Amino acid sequence: MAVANFPALQFKTCDIFRSTPKCFKLLPLKKTNLFAKTVVEAKANTRTESAKIRNRRMLKKFNGTPRRPRLSVFCSEKQLYAMLVDDKNKKCLFYGSTLQKSIRDDPTCTTIDAAKRVGEELVKACIDLNINEISYYDRNGFARGERMQAFEIAIANYGLLPT
């Protein structure tokens, strides 16, 4: 690699500042490498943005099939929603949430108990559909809270969670 050396430039002060005809030298500020690559710095993402980016990257790798669907779970501030997704046929094989009356009504329960019931309903649907494993457990970048843990315990007993 060659480093460019710039010769000292000479100007007369009268040419620049229109003052006395003394000469002075202007030196280059720093030596630059002409063959250096341009480096673009990435923005620092917030925690939620990086989780979403990571989730999109993982969705490219793991696609659900009818025998090995993708389990997508979304947890809002108060509720939990779960889906078994067949990405090849673009179908939802199972949908359950803590808002469903069949899960919430008999007897009335908290959202954590309802999340556990959603997991149990998911296991029943997997048995009916003859599904023994899932291709990817998609938490959508969310941390494991109490509702998520209750849901995971219910489906881990059946062996659906990948290790």
Protein backbone atom coordinates (compact mmCIF):
# COMPACT_ATOMS: atom_id res chain seq x y z
CA MET A 1 0.00 0.00 0.00
CA ALA A 2 1.21 3.41 -0.84
CA VAL A 3 0.81 6.32 1.49
CA ALA A 4 0.38 9.64 -0.24
CA ASN A 5 2.92 12.26 0.78
CA PHE A 6 1.92 15.82 0.04
CA PRO A 7 4.71 18.33 -0.44
CA ALA A 8 4.61 21.46 1.64
CA LEU A 9 2.62 24.14 -0.08
CA GLN A 10 4.06 27.62 -0.20
CA PHE A 11 1.93 30.73 -0.32
CA LYS A 12 2.74 34.33 0.11
CA THR A 13 0.77 36.03 2.83
CA CYS A 14 0.00 38.83 0.45
CA ASP A 15 -1.85 36.35 -1.82
CA ILE A 16 -4.04 35.09 0.99
CA PHE A 17 -4.38 37.85 3.53
CA ARG A 18 -3.20 40.81 1.42
CA SER A 19 -0.65 41.81 3.97
CA THR A 20 3.15 41.77 4.14
CA PRO A 21 4.95 39.66 1.52
CA LYS A 22 6.36 37.07 3.93
CA CYS A 23 6.15 33.46 2.86
CA PHE A 24 4.98 30.67 5.12
CA LYS A 25 4.37 26.94 4.66
CA LEU A 26 1.03 25.13 4.95
CA LEU A 27 1.50 21.49 5.79
CA PRO A 28 -1.17 18.85 5.28
CA LEU A 29 -3.07 18.08 8.48
CA LYS A 30 -2.60 14.31 8.31
CA LYS A 31 -1.36 11.68 5.94
CA THR A 32 -4.15 9.73 4.32
CA ASN A 33 -4.17 6.30 2.81
CA LEU A 34 -5.56 6.42 -0.72
CA PHE A 35 -6.45 2.72 -0.71
CA ALA A 36 -8.33 2.67 2.60
CA LYS A 37 -11.89 1.34 2.60
CA THR A 38 -14.69 3.55 3.72
CA VAL A 39 -16.02 2.39 7.08
CA VAL A 40 -19.69 2.95 7.80
CA GLU A 41 -20.55 2.82 11.47
CA ALA A 42 -23.80 1.12 12.42
CA LYS A 43 -26.32 2.88 14.58
CA ALA A 44 -26.64 1.65 18.11
CA ASN A 45 -30.04 -0.03 18.24
CA THR A 46 -32.21 -0.01 21.27
CA ARG A 47 -32.87 -3.29 22.98
CA THR A 48 -36.28 -3.84 21.38
CA GLU A 49 -35.08 -2.92 17.90
CA SER A 50 -32.21 -5.39 18.04
CA ALA A 51 -34.59 -8.12 19.23
CA LYS A 52 -36.89 -7.44 16.30
CA ILE A 53 -33.98 -7.52 13.86
CA ARG A 54 -32.75 -10.78 15.34
CA ASN A 55 -36.26 -12.24 15.08
CA ARG A 56 -36.54 -11.32 11.38
CA ARG A 57 -33.17 -12.92 10.71
CA MET A 58 -34.26 -16.14 12.44
CA LEU A 59 -37.54 -16.29 10.50
CA LYS A 60 -35.52 -16.54 7.28
CA LYS A 61 -33.81 -19.69 8.57
CA PHE A 62 -36.72 -21.51 10.22
CA ASN A 63 -39.90 -22.16 8.29
CA GLY A 64 -42.77 -24.22 9.58
CA THR A 65 -44.13 -27.29 7.83
CA PRO A 66 -47.33 -29.24 8.55
CA ARG A 67 -45.33 -31.82 10.58
CA ARG A 68 -42.93 -29.32 12.20
CA PRO A 69 -44.73 -25.98 12.51
CA ARG A 70 -43.33 -22.78 13.94
CA LEU A 71 -44.65 -21.81 17.36
CA SER A 72 -45.13 -18.04 17.51
CA VAL A 73 -45.93 -16.47 20.88
CA PHE A 74 -46.72 -12.82 21.51
CA CYS A 75 -47.00 -11.45 25.01
CA SER A 76 -48.56 -8.02 25.48
CA GLU A 77 -48.70 -6.18 28.80
CA LYS A 78 -51.77 -8.13 29.93
CA GLN A 79 -52.36 -11.04 27.55
CA LEU A 80 -50.61 -13.94 25.78
CA TYR A 81 -51.27 -15.12 22.22
CA ALA A 82 -49.91 -18.36 20.69
CA MET A 83 -50.02 -19.74 17.14
CA LEU A 84 -48.76 -22.84 15.38
CA VAL A 85 -47.85 -21.67 11.87
CA ASP A 86 -47.33 -23.74 8.73
CA ASP A 87 -45.21 -21.36 6.62
CA LYS A 88 -45.11 -23.55 3.51
CA ASN A 89 -48.89 -23.58 3.08
CA LYS A 90 -49.34 -20.22 4.83
CA LYS A 91 -51.83 -21.58 7.34
CA CYS A 92 -52.38 -21.21 11.05
CA LEU A 93 -52.79 -24.69 12.55
CA PHE A 94 -53.68 -23.52 16.06
CA TYR A 95 -54.51 -20.20 17.67
CA GLY A 96 -55.03 -19.60 21.36
CA SER A 97 -55.02 -16.58 23.62
CA THR A 98 -55.75 -15.72 27.21
CA LEU A 99 -58.75 -13.69 25.98
CA GLN A 100 -60.72 -16.67 24.69
CA LYS A 101 -63.89 -17.36 26.64
CA SER A 102 -63.35 -21.13 26.52
CA ILE A 103 -60.05 -20.67 28.37
CA ARG A 104 -61.06 -17.83 30.70
CA ASP A 105 -64.60 -18.71 31.84
CA ASP A 106 -64.65 -22.02 33.66
CA PRO A 107 -63.69 -21.11 36.44
CA THR A 108 -62.58 -17.49 36.21
CA CYS A 109 -58.79 -17.28 36.49
CA THR A 110 -55.81 -14.93 36.35
CA THR A 111 -53.85 -14.31 33.16
CA ILE A 112 -51.03 -16.54 34.40
CA ASP A 113 -53.44 -19.47 34.87
CA ALA A 114 -55.00 -18.66 31.51
CA ALA A 115 -51.54 -18.74 29.88
CA LYS A 116 -51.00 -22.20 31.36
CA ARG A 117 -54.37 -23.28 29.94
CA VAL A 118 -53.38 -21.94 26.51
CA GLY A 119 -50.29 -24.17 26.68
CA GLU A 120 -52.44 -27.16 27.61
CA GLU A 121 -54.82 -26.43 24.72
CA LEU A 122 -51.80 -26.19 22.40
CA VAL A 123 -50.62 -29.62 23.55
CA LYS A 124 -54.11 -31.09 22.88
CA ALA A 125 -54.10 -29.56 19.39
CA CYS A 126 -50.62 -31.00 18.72
CA ILE A 127 -51.80 -34.47 19.73
CA ASP A 128 -54.85 -34.16 17.43
CA LEU A 129 -52.69 -32.95 14.52
CA ASN A 130 -50.00 -35.61 15.18
CA ILE A 131 -47.27 -33.01 15.78
CA ASN A 132 -44.34 -34.23 17.88
CA GLU A 133 -41.94 -31.32 17.52
CA ILE A 134 -41.80 -27.71 16.42
CA SER A 135 -39.25 -26.20 14.06
CA TYR A 136 -38.72 -22.93 15.92
CA TYR A 137 -40.01 -21.36 19.12
CA ASP A 138 -40.61 -17.74 18.17
CA ARG A 139 -41.01 -15.42 21.19
CA ASN A 140 -40.88 -12.34 18.91
CA GLY A 141 -37.91 -11.01 20.85
CA PHE A 142 -39.76 -10.71 24.13
CA ALA A 143 -38.31 -11.67 27.49
CA ARG A 144 -39.76 -14.50 29.52
CA GLY A 145 -42.23 -13.05 32.01
CA GLU A 146 -44.57 -14.89 34.37
CA ARG A 147 -47.20 -15.58 31.70
CA MET A 148 -44.57 -16.77 29.23
CA GLN A 149 -43.04 -19.08 31.84
CA ALA A 150 -46.41 -20.59 32.74
CA PHE A 151 -47.06 -21.22 29.04
CA GLU A 152 -43.61 -22.75 28.53
CA ILE A 153 -43.98 -25.11 31.51
CA ALA A 154 -47.24 -26.45 30.07
CA ILE A 155 -45.75 -27.19 26.65
CA ALA A 156 -42.37 -28.38 27.98
CA ASN A 157 -44.11 -31.23 29.82
CA TYR A 158 -45.19 -32.57 26.42
CA GLY A 159 -41.68 -32.05 25.00
CA LEU A 160 -42.45 -29.41 22.38
CA LEU A 161 -39.75 -26.92 23.34
CA PRO A 162 -36.50 -27.48 21.42
CA THR A 163 -33.42 -27.83 23.58
